[in-house]
Amino acid sequence: MTDRVHAFTDDALGEHDAVALAALIRTGAASPEEVAEAALARAEAVNPRLNAIAYRSPRPRYAEPDSSGVWFGVPAFVKDNADVAGMPSRFGSAAITPHPAAADDRFTAQLLSTGVTVLGKTTLPEFGFISSTEFETGEPTRNPWDTGRTVGGSSGGSAAMVAAGVVPVAHGNDGGGSLRIPAACAGLVSLKPSRFRHLDNAQARQLPIKLVSEGVLSRSVRDQAVYHAAAEKYWRNPKLPPIGTVEGPSARTLRIGLLTTSANGRQPDAATLAAVTATAAILESAGHTIEPMDSPVAPRLVEDFLQYWGFLAQMSGVTGKLSHGRSFDAARLDAFTKGLAASFRRRLLSTPGALYRLNKARADYDTVLTRYDAILSPVLTHATPELGYLRPGVPYDELIERVTNFVGYTPINNVTGSPSIAVPAGLTETGLPVGVMLSGAYGGERTLLELGFLLEAQAPFPRIAAATTGS
């Protein structure tokens, strides 16, 4: 029997998503203070087992009382790689001596415009470089569905808090799958928006190729739809078509490519393939055309992505004092970050070619997407592994092979800048969540949300409280 843990109970939060909770607050049936108190009590009950909170604020940060935000009073957490004024940012790294941020970063302000109450910061692996929220030393962040398993990464702490019912939504970002991977591991929904859809935080603005997109993790598709529409009201990129208000499936019939082979040629395990096949059947029964397809990008993408990832690891050490203060200690970077950087240095001369091909991948992807309205694929090649399998202390060559074999689908969208949504698609025989992914053309978030609504209606997402028999 898996060791599940959750905080759902008969309090002010109930099992509400953010939309429902905000409605209660607007009508006076609940107050921001009441729901924040309930969320903190839930955190106190489960975080000792999950280790998902990097920093708990001594006082919740409430939105102004006259806030018109759609989620006014809804409690949430911010991932610990985004600055919130007065709260430290450690980026999951022992190399950083944390100090309170002087101001909100640009995206943080966009997030806060929704009216959420910030309770603190959530855990991530060092600089978000690995797909499991584990650390070379110290306790890992655990998966509420099975505390012996990883909750994925890098937005693992946020995923754990939402899946366990502590808060209905939490911030995350995605530079190689860091929203969608933990969503799949924890039975959640998350939309990685198109490149430049929303404002960026400081770290993302420094990248030669912008991989990172900001978003949230939630338990419902409508929370994703409402969030991205609200974020656009704060700031909208005029070069992209607006997402607007999405409230359910569309009547349009679509041509959807079915992609089962990962970018590095791996096949999904039986449970993942079954989930994708069942999802394809749901979409087909709704009138959509499903057509098997090959990868929309060249096979070299994985190797080139790793070279660029290594460049980012190298720069994390080289520019650490400039980015994080004079107390930054590169000697304390974890073994995986050091391994990525060393790999980059060994293949330094291949970097210009890798950057050229990564930039070209956008055009290749766009050409393929002229034939399809969306792509259906797994999120991951296999079920979430046991803790330790992806721990930074595993020898680098072995670990990087494990990572690339686990994460074979999500980086495509970061490289090409295209949007992608992860939604739950049932449970394995041992009760672990399985996620599927729908990816679209650049600027095509609306189509993905409409498909997400359809899947949620036709195959309601598993609920951890209903599945729990122990805790």
Protein backbone atom coordinates (compact mmCIF):
# COMPACT_ATOMS: atom_id res chain seq x y z
CA MET A 1 0.00 0.00 0.00
CA THR A 2 1.32 3.42 -0.90
CA ASP A 3 1.88 5.95 1.87
CA ARG A 4 -0.47 8.80 0.96
CA VAL A 5 -0.87 12.00 2.91
CA HIS A 6 -3.28 14.88 2.47
CA ALA A 7 -4.76 17.76 4.44
CA PHE A 8 -8.32 17.86 3.07
CA THR A 9 -10.79 18.32 5.88
CA ASP A 10 -14.04 20.06 6.74
CA ASP A 11 -12.68 23.58 7.18
CA ALA A 12 -12.99 26.86 5.29
CA LEU A 13 -10.96 25.49 2.37
CA GLY A 14 -12.92 22.27 1.95
CA GLU A 15 -12.06 20.74 -1.44
CA HIS A 16 -12.64 23.99 -3.32
CA ASP A 17 -10.51 25.06 -6.23
CA ALA A 18 -9.35 28.67 -6.38
CA VAL A 19 -12.36 29.82 -8.42
CA ALA A 20 -14.86 28.38 -5.94
CA LEU A 21 -12.93 29.65 -2.91
CA ALA A 22 -12.71 33.17 -4.34
CA ALA A 23 -16.48 33.11 -4.90
CA LEU A 24 -17.06 32.25 -1.24
CA ILE A 25 -14.83 35.13 -0.18
CA ARG A 26 -16.62 37.58 -2.48
CA THR A 27 -20.00 36.65 -1.00
CA GLY A 28 -18.74 36.94 2.58
CA ALA A 29 -19.19 33.23 3.29
CA ALA A 30 -15.47 33.13 4.14
CA SER A 31 -12.77 35.73 4.76
CA PRO A 32 -9.16 35.92 3.53
CA GLU A 33 -7.99 35.59 7.12
CA GLU A 34 -10.14 32.53 7.75
CA VAL A 35 -8.95 30.64 4.68
CA ALA A 36 -5.31 31.65 5.26
CA GLU A 37 -5.57 30.30 8.81
CA ALA A 38 -7.03 27.04 7.50
CA ALA A 39 -4.25 26.71 4.91
CA LEU A 40 -1.56 27.31 7.52
CA ALA A 41 -3.13 24.69 9.79
CA ARG A 42 -3.13 22.25 6.89
CA ALA A 43 0.51 23.03 6.15
CA GLU A 44 1.37 22.43 9.79
CA ALA A 45 -0.35 19.04 9.60
CA VAL A 46 1.34 17.66 6.46
CA ASN A 47 4.54 19.58 5.72
CA PRO A 48 6.62 17.68 8.30
CA ARG A 49 6.05 14.63 6.09
CA LEU A 50 6.28 16.41 2.72
CA ASN A 51 9.06 18.98 3.26
CA ALA A 52 7.63 21.28 0.58
CA ILE A 53 7.94 24.70 2.23
CA ALA A 54 11.23 26.53 1.78
CA TYR A 55 10.10 29.60 3.74
CA ARG A 56 6.99 30.22 5.78
CA SER A 57 6.18 33.88 6.12
CA PRO A 58 5.61 34.96 9.73
CA ARG A 59 2.57 36.86 8.47
CA PRO A 60 0.52 36.08 5.36
CA ARG A 61 0.87 38.73 2.69
CA TYR A 62 -2.70 39.76 1.91
CA ALA A 63 -3.79 41.68 -1.16
CA GLU A 64 -5.11 45.16 -0.58
CA PRO A 65 -8.74 45.09 0.68
CA ASP A 66 -9.96 46.91 -2.42
CA SER A 67 -8.27 44.42 -4.77
CA SER A 68 -10.32 43.49 -7.81
CA GLY A 69 -8.27 40.34 -8.42
CA VAL A 70 -10.21 37.25 -9.46
CA TRP A 71 -8.59 35.25 -6.66
CA PHE A 72 -8.80 37.85 -3.91
CA GLY A 73 -8.05 36.16 -0.60
CA VAL A 74 -7.12 32.75 -2.04
CA PRO A 75 -4.05 31.37 -0.20
CA ALA A 76 -1.07 30.38 -2.36
CA PHE A 77 2.67 29.82 -2.32
CA VAL A 78 5.39 31.22 -4.59
CA LYS A 79 8.22 29.01 -5.83
CA ASP A 80 11.53 29.89 -4.20
CA ASN A 81 13.13 31.22 -7.39
CA ALA A 82 10.88 34.27 -7.70
CA ASP A 83 11.38 37.36 -5.57
CA VAL A 84 8.60 38.41 -3.21
CA ALA A 85 9.34 41.61 -1.30
CA GLY A 86 10.45 40.86 2.25
CA MET A 87 10.90 37.12 1.64
CA PRO A 88 14.22 35.36 0.97
CA SER A 89 14.97 33.58 -2.31
CA ARG A 90 17.40 30.67 -2.12
CA PHE A 91 16.77 28.91 -5.46
CA GLY A 92 17.11 25.55 -3.74
CA SER A 93 20.86 26.05 -3.40
CA ALA A 94 23.13 25.77 -0.39
CA ALA A 95 25.51 28.10 -2.25
CA ILE A 96 23.21 31.06 -1.57
CA THR A 97 22.93 32.86 1.74
CA PRO A 98 19.30 33.98 1.69
CA HIS A 99 18.28 37.54 2.39
CA PRO A 100 14.91 39.30 2.07
CA ALA A 101 14.14 40.53 -1.43
CA ALA A 102 13.90 44.29 -1.74
CA ALA A 103 10.95 44.19 -4.15
CA ASP A 104 8.60 41.94 -6.07
CA ASP A 105 9.95 40.76 -9.39
CA ARG A 106 8.01 41.55 -12.58
CA PHE A 107 6.19 38.26 -12.88
CA THR A 108 5.58 38.10 -9.14
CA ALA A 109 3.67 41.38 -9.45
CA GLN A 110 1.64 39.90 -12.30
CA LEU A 111 0.82 36.85 -10.17
CA LEU A 112 -0.09 38.99 -7.16
CA SER A 113 -2.46 41.03 -9.32
CA THR A 114 -4.89 38.11 -9.05
CA GLY A 115 -5.35 38.97 -5.35
CA VAL A 116 -3.84 35.83 -3.82
CA THR A 117 -2.59 35.71 -0.25
CA VAL A 118 1.06 34.60 -0.19
CA LEU A 119 1.89 32.24 2.66
CA GLY A 120 5.55 31.67 1.80
CA LYS A 121 7.91 30.00 -0.65
CA THR A 122 8.07 26.39 -1.90
CA THR A 123 11.01 24.08 -2.50
CA LEU A 124 12.83 23.39 -5.73
CA PRO A 125 16.02 21.49 -6.59
CA GLU A 126 19.12 23.60 -7.06
CA PHE A 127 18.29 26.28 -9.67
CA GLY A 128 15.60 23.96 -11.04
CA PHE A 129 18.17 21.94 -12.96
CA ILE A 130 16.86 18.45 -12.18
CA SER A 131 13.44 16.83 -12.53
CA SER A 132 13.11 15.78 -8.90
CA THR A 133 12.91 18.05 -5.86
CA GLU A 134 15.72 16.30 -4.03
CA PHE A 135 18.92 17.56 -2.52
CA GLU A 136 22.45 16.24 -2.17
CA THR A 137 22.11 16.57 1.59
CA GLY A 138 18.94 16.98 3.61
CA GLU A 139 15.43 15.70 3.25
CA PRO A 140 13.74 15.57 -0.17
CA THR A 141 10.32 16.96 -0.97
CA ARG A 142 7.91 14.03 -0.98
CA ASN A 143 4.95 13.14 -3.16
CA PRO A 144 1.61 13.27 -1.30
CA TRP A 145 0.35 10.31 -3.36
CA ASP A 146 3.25 8.17 -2.10
CA THR A 147 5.77 9.72 0.27
CA GLY A 148 8.41 7.25 -0.89
CA ARG A 149 8.27 8.74 -4.40
CA THR A 150 9.46 11.95 -5.98
CA VAL A 151 6.93 14.69 -6.68
CA GLY A 152 8.98 15.72 -9.70
CA GLY A 153 10.63 19.02 -10.32
CA SER A 154 11.49 21.61 -10.41
CA SER A 155 8.21 23.08 -9.10
CA GLY A 156 7.95 20.13 -6.73
CA GLY A 157 7.19 21.99 -3.51
CA SER A 158 4.30 23.85 -5.12
CA ALA A 159 2.94 20.61 -6.57
CA ALA A 160 3.08 18.90 -3.18
CA MET A 161 1.21 21.74 -1.46
CA VAL A 162 -1.56 21.78 -4.08
CA ALA A 163 -1.90 18.01 -4.38
CA ALA A 164 -2.06 17.61 -0.59
CA GLY A 165 -4.81 20.23 -0.35
CA VAL A 166 -2.87 22.85 1.60
CA VAL A 167 -3.66 25.50 -1.04
CA PRO A 168 -5.71 25.28 -4.25
CA VAL A 169 -3.03 26.89 -6.44
CA ALA A 170 0.67 27.64 -6.27
CA HIS A 171 3.23 29.32 -8.50
CA GLY A 172 5.71 27.44 -10.63
CA ASN A 173 7.80 27.94 -13.72
CA ASP A 174 8.91 25.71 -16.55
CA GLY A 175 12.30 25.67 -18.27
CA GLY A 176 12.31 22.03 -19.38
CA GLY A 177 9.08 20.69 -17.96
CA SER A 178 9.24 22.11 -14.44
CA LEU A 179 5.47 22.77 -14.27
CA ARG A 180 4.28 19.78 -16.26
CA ILE A 181 6.55 17.16 -14.71
CA PRO A 182 5.37 17.72 -11.10
CA ALA A 183 1.80 18.10 -12.37
CA ALA A 184 2.04 14.61 -13.86
CA CYS A 185 3.70 13.18 -10.74
CA ALA A 186 1.11 14.69 -8.40
CA GLY A 187 -2.15 14.38 -10.36
CA LEU A 188 -2.45 18.10 -11.16
CA VAL A 189 -3.05 20.46 -14.07
CA SER A 190 -0.55 22.98 -15.36
CA LEU A 191 -0.25 25.06 -18.50
CA LYS A 192 3.16 26.14 -19.74
CA PRO A 193 2.27 29.20 -21.78
CA SER A 194 3.85 30.38 -25.01
CA ARG A 195 7.20 32.15 -24.83
CA PHE A 196 6.68 35.84 -23.97
CA ARG A 197 3.01 35.25 -23.06
CA HIS A 198 3.54 36.71 -19.57
CA LEU A 199 6.16 38.83 -17.88
CA ASP A 200 9.45 37.21 -16.91
CA ASN A 201 11.37 37.14 -13.68
CA ALA A 202 14.93 38.43 -13.61
CA GLN A 203 16.74 35.11 -14.11
CA ALA A 204 14.79 34.23 -17.28
CA ARG A 205 15.51 37.60 -18.88
CA GLN A 206 19.25 36.81 -18.85
CA LEU A 207 19.00 33.67 -20.98
CA PRO A 208 20.35 33.63 -24.57
CA ILE A 209 17.43 31.35 -25.45
CA LYS A 210 14.37 32.00 -23.32
CA LEU A 211 13.29 28.59 -22.07
CA VAL A 212 11.37 29.56 -18.94
CA SER A 213 7.65 30.33 -18.80
CA GLU A 214 5.72 31.23 -15.64
CA GLY A 215 2.47 29.70 -14.47
CA VAL A 216 0.61 27.91 -11.69
CA LEU A 217 -0.27 24.39 -10.61
CA SER A 218 -3.90 23.61 -9.85
CA ARG A 219 -6.37 20.79 -9.32
CA SER A 220 -8.81 22.01 -12.00
CA VAL A 221 -8.63 23.17 -15.59
CA ARG A 222 -10.80 26.18 -14.85
CA ASP A 223 -8.24 27.51 -12.39
CA GLN A 224 -5.71 27.47 -15.22
CA ALA A 225 -8.12 29.23 -17.57
CA VAL A 226 -9.07 31.88 -15.03
CA TYR A 227 -5.46 32.49 -14.01
CA HIS A 228 -4.12 33.05 -17.52
CA ALA A 229 -7.04 35.29 -18.45
CA ALA A 230 -6.46 37.34 -15.29
CA ALA A 231 -2.72 37.58 -15.94
CA GLU A 232 -3.49 39.04 -19.37
CA LYS A 233 -5.56 41.78 -17.78
CA TYR A 234 -2.48 42.90 -15.85
CA TRP A 235 -0.23 42.75 -18.92
CA ARG A 236 -0.78 41.24 -22.36
CA ASN A 237 1.78 40.76 -25.08
CA PRO A 238 0.29 42.53 -28.12
CA LYS A 239 2.24 40.23 -30.45
CA LEU A 240 0.25 37.19 -29.31
CA PRO A 241 -3.44 36.47 -29.77
CA PRO A 242 -5.26 36.90 -26.45
CA ILE A 243 -6.28 33.76 -24.60
CA GLY A 244 -9.39 35.45 -23.27
CA THR A 245 -12.02 33.73 -21.18
CA VAL A 246 -12.23 29.97 -21.68
CA GLU A 247 -15.09 28.26 -19.84
CA GLY A 248 -15.39 24.83 -21.42
CA PRO A 249 -14.78 22.64 -24.46
CA SER A 250 -15.12 24.01 -27.95
CA ALA A 251 -17.50 22.66 -30.57
CA ARG A 252 -14.69 22.69 -33.13
CA THR A 253 -13.36 19.37 -34.36
CA LEU A 254 -9.59 19.19 -34.44
CA ARG A 255 -6.81 17.18 -36.03
CA ILE A 256 -4.60 15.92 -33.21
CA GLY A 257 -1.23 14.25 -33.66
CA LEU A 258 -0.52 11.27 -31.39
CA LEU A 259 3.13 11.24 -30.31
CA THR A 260 4.27 8.29 -28.22
CA THR A 261 8.01 8.10 -28.95
CA SER A 262 10.02 10.59 -26.90
CA ALA A 263 12.51 13.03 -28.38
CA ASN A 264 15.37 10.66 -27.57
CA GLY A 265 13.61 7.61 -29.00
CA ARG A 266 12.23 6.09 -25.79
CA GLN A 267 8.87 4.38 -25.53
CA PRO A 268 6.59 4.99 -22.52
CA ASP A 269 5.93 2.27 -19.98
CA ALA A 270 2.71 0.26 -20.16
CA ALA A 271 0.70 2.37 -17.72
CA THR A 272 1.68 5.63 -19.46
CA LEU A 273 0.93 4.26 -22.92
CA ALA A 274 -2.44 3.01 -21.70
CA ALA A 275 -3.27 6.47 -20.32
CA VAL A 276 -2.35 8.18 -23.59
CA THR A 277 -4.31 5.62 -25.61
CA ALA A 278 -7.38 6.06 -23.40
CA THR A 279 -7.09 9.85 -23.73
CA ALA A 280 -6.90 9.53 -27.52
CA ALA A 281 -10.08 7.45 -27.43
CA ILE A 282 -11.89 10.15 -25.43
CA LEU A 283 -10.83 12.82 -27.89
CA GLU A 284 -11.81 10.66 -30.86
CA SER A 285 -15.24 9.94 -29.36
CA ALA A 286 -15.74 13.72 -29.10
CA GLY A 287 -15.27 14.03 -32.84
CA HIS A 288 -11.58 14.88 -33.06
CA THR A 289 -9.31 13.12 -35.55
CA ILE A 290 -6.32 11.33 -34.00
CA GLU A 291 -3.33 10.61 -36.24
CA PRO A 292 -0.06 8.94 -35.16
CA MET A 293 2.93 11.19 -35.81
CA ASP A 294 6.71 11.31 -35.52
CA SER A 295 8.61 13.75 -33.34
CA PRO A 296 8.16 17.37 -34.46
CA VAL A 297 11.84 18.12 -33.80
CA ALA A 298 15.16 16.60 -34.85
CA PRO A 299 16.63 13.76 -32.73
CA ARG A 300 19.65 15.96 -31.88
CA LEU A 301 17.44 18.23 -29.74
CA VAL A 302 18.07 16.31 -26.51
CA GLU A 303 21.85 16.50 -26.86
CA ASP A 304 21.72 20.18 -27.78
CA PHE A 305 19.32 20.94 -24.92
CA LEU A 306 21.73 19.31 -22.46
CA GLN A 307 24.59 21.40 -23.79
CA TYR A 308 22.57 24.54 -23.23
CA TRP A 309 21.47 23.30 -19.81
CA GLY A 310 25.14 22.79 -19.00
CA PHE A 311 25.87 26.34 -20.10
CA LEU A 312 23.24 27.58 -17.63
CA ALA A 313 24.83 25.50 -14.86
CA GLN A 314 28.25 26.92 -15.72
CA MET A 315 26.90 30.47 -15.61
CA SER A 316 25.18 29.81 -12.28
CA GLY A 317 28.59 29.33 -10.72
CA VAL A 318 30.46 32.01 -12.67
CA THR A 319 27.91 34.78 -12.11
CA GLY A 320 26.68 33.64 -8.70
CA LYS A 321 28.15 36.54 -6.73
CA LEU A 322 26.74 39.05 -9.19
CA SER A 323 23.27 37.48 -9.15
CA HIS A 324 23.00 36.42 -5.50
CA GLY A 325 25.46 38.52 -3.53
CA ARG A 326 29.05 38.36 -2.38
CA SER A 327 28.31 35.53 0.04
CA PHE A 328 27.57 33.14 -2.85
CA ASP A 329 29.83 30.09 -2.49
CA ALA A 330 30.25 28.11 -5.72
CA ALA A 331 32.02 25.34 -3.79
CA ARG A 332 28.65 24.50 -2.22
CA LEU A 333 26.85 23.88 -5.51
CA ASP A 334 25.51 20.34 -5.66
CA ALA A 335 27.07 17.50 -7.64
CA PHE A 336 24.50 17.63 -10.43
CA THR A 337 25.03 21.33 -11.11
CA LYS A 338 28.78 20.76 -11.11
CA GLY A 339 28.39 17.75 -13.38
CA LEU A 340 26.28 19.69 -15.88
CA ALA A 341 28.82 22.51 -15.92
CA ALA A 342 31.73 20.09 -16.40
CA SER A 343 29.90 18.40 -19.26
CA PHE A 344 29.40 21.80 -20.89
CA ARG A 345 33.10 22.63 -20.61
CA ARG A 346 34.13 19.30 -22.13
CA ARG A 347 31.99 20.02 -25.19
CA LEU A 348 32.52 23.78 -25.27
CA LEU A 349 33.22 23.93 -29.00
CA SER A 350 29.86 22.32 -29.81
CA THR A 351 27.94 25.21 -28.19
CA PRO A 352 27.50 27.46 -31.25
CA GLY A 353 26.08 24.57 -33.27
CA ALA A 354 23.79 23.58 -30.41
CA LEU A 355 22.44 27.11 -30.11
CA TYR A 356 21.87 27.31 -33.87
CA ARG A 357 19.92 24.04 -33.90
CA LEU A 358 17.90 24.94 -30.80
CA ASN A 359 16.85 28.20 -32.44
CA LYS A 360 16.00 26.35 -35.66
CA ALA A 361 13.78 23.87 -33.78
CA ARG A 362 11.06 26.53 -33.56
CA ALA A 363 10.71 26.62 -37.34
CA ASP A 364 10.68 22.81 -37.58
CA TYR A 365 7.96 22.60 -34.94
CA ASP A 366 5.88 25.35 -36.53
CA THR A 367 5.99 23.54 -39.87
CA VAL A 368 4.68 20.33 -38.32
CA LEU A 369 1.95 22.25 -36.47
CA THR A 370 0.56 23.51 -39.76
CA ARG A 371 -0.80 19.96 -40.14
CA TYR A 372 -2.18 19.58 -36.62
CA ASP A 373 -4.24 21.64 -34.20
CA ALA A 374 -2.58 19.97 -31.20
CA ILE A 375 -0.27 17.13 -30.22
CA LEU A 376 -1.19 14.49 -27.61
CA SER A 377 1.72 12.79 -25.84
CA PRO A 378 2.82 11.48 -22.46
CA VAL A 379 4.37 13.95 -20.04
CA LEU A 380 6.92 11.41 -18.81
CA THR A 381 8.14 8.06 -20.09
CA HIS A 382 7.37 6.19 -16.87
CA ALA A 383 5.67 6.49 -13.51
CA THR A 384 7.23 8.71 -10.88
CA PRO A 385 10.27 6.91 -9.42
CA GLU A 386 11.24 6.24 -5.85
CA LEU A 387 13.14 8.93 -3.99
CA GLY A 388 16.87 8.55 -4.50
CA TYR A 389 16.63 7.49 -8.14
CA LEU A 390 17.09 11.10 -9.31
CA ARG A 391 18.98 12.45 -6.29
CA PRO A 392 21.84 14.86 -7.09
CA GLY A 393 24.31 12.57 -5.31
CA VAL A 394 23.94 9.81 -7.93
CA PRO A 395 27.07 9.69 -10.16
CA TYR A 396 26.58 12.25 -12.93
CA ASP A 397 26.81 9.98 -15.98
CA GLU A 398 24.27 7.58 -14.50
CA LEU A 399 22.01 10.37 -13.30
CA ILE A 400 21.90 12.29 -16.58
CA GLU A 401 20.88 9.12 -18.41
CA ARG A 402 18.10 8.55 -15.88
CA VAL A 403 16.90 12.14 -16.23
CA THR A 404 16.83 12.16 -20.03
CA ASN A 405 15.06 8.80 -20.13
CA PHE A 406 12.44 10.06 -17.66
CA VAL A 407 11.90 13.47 -19.26
CA GLY A 408 11.61 12.83 -22.97
CA TYR A 409 8.73 15.00 -24.09
CA THR A 410 8.50 18.27 -22.16
CA PRO A 411 11.69 20.09 -23.32
CA ILE A 412 10.34 20.28 -26.88
CA ASN A 413 7.97 23.07 -25.87
CA ASN A 414 10.60 25.03 -23.97
CA VAL A 415 12.98 24.99 -26.91
CA THR A 416 10.28 25.90 -29.45
CA GLY A 417 8.43 28.33 -27.18
CA SER A 418 5.14 26.55 -27.77
CA PRO A 419 2.37 26.11 -25.17
CA SER A 420 1.67 22.79 -23.49
CA ILE A 421 -0.80 21.64 -20.85
CA ALA A 422 -0.45 18.61 -18.56
CA VAL A 423 -3.61 16.99 -17.21
CA PRO A 424 -4.18 13.89 -15.06
CA ALA A 425 -5.14 10.71 -16.90
CA GLY A 426 -5.86 8.23 -14.13
CA LEU A 427 -3.77 6.14 -11.77
CA THR A 428 -1.42 3.20 -12.19
CA GLU A 429 -2.27 -0.17 -10.63
CA THR A 430 -0.27 0.92 -7.58
CA GLY A 431 -2.19 4.18 -7.25
CA LEU A 432 0.30 6.66 -8.73
CA PRO A 433 -0.94 9.50 -10.95
CA VAL A 434 -0.24 9.44 -14.69
CA GLY A 435 -0.30 12.61 -16.75
CA VAL A 436 -0.79 13.28 -20.43
CA MET A 437 0.19 16.37 -22.36
CA LEU A 438 -1.44 18.44 -25.08
CA SER A 439 0.84 20.82 -26.98
CA GLY A 440 -0.13 23.41 -29.53
CA ALA A 441 1.04 26.01 -31.98
CA TYR A 442 2.69 29.16 -30.71
CA GLY A 443 -0.02 31.35 -29.15
CA GLY A 444 -2.51 28.46 -29.11
CA GLU A 445 -3.25 28.22 -25.37
CA ARG A 446 -6.98 28.63 -25.88
CA THR A 447 -7.23 25.39 -27.85
CA LEU A 448 -5.31 23.50 -25.16
CA LEU A 449 -7.54 24.79 -22.37
CA GLU A 450 -10.64 23.80 -24.34
CA LEU A 451 -9.27 20.28 -24.74
CA GLY A 452 -8.38 20.19 -21.05
CA PHE A 453 -11.96 21.06 -20.13
CA LEU A 454 -13.17 18.24 -22.36
CA LEU A 455 -10.90 15.66 -20.75
CA GLU A 456 -11.78 16.78 -17.22
CA ALA A 457 -15.49 16.45 -18.01
CA GLN A 458 -15.19 13.06 -19.72
CA ALA A 459 -12.70 11.48 -17.30
CA PRO A 460 -12.82 13.34 -13.95
CA PHE A 461 -9.41 13.68 -12.38
CA PRO A 462 -8.47 11.34 -9.50
CA ARG A 463 -8.85 12.84 -6.02
CA ILE A 464 -6.24 12.03 -3.43
CA ALA A 465 -8.77 12.25 -0.58
CA ALA A 466 -10.98 9.64 -2.25
CA ALA A 467 -8.00 7.40 -2.98
CA THR A 468 -6.56 7.59 0.52
CA THR A 469 -7.14 4.70 2.84
CA GLY A 470 -4.54 5.43 5.48
CA SER A 471 -3.62 8.99 6.37
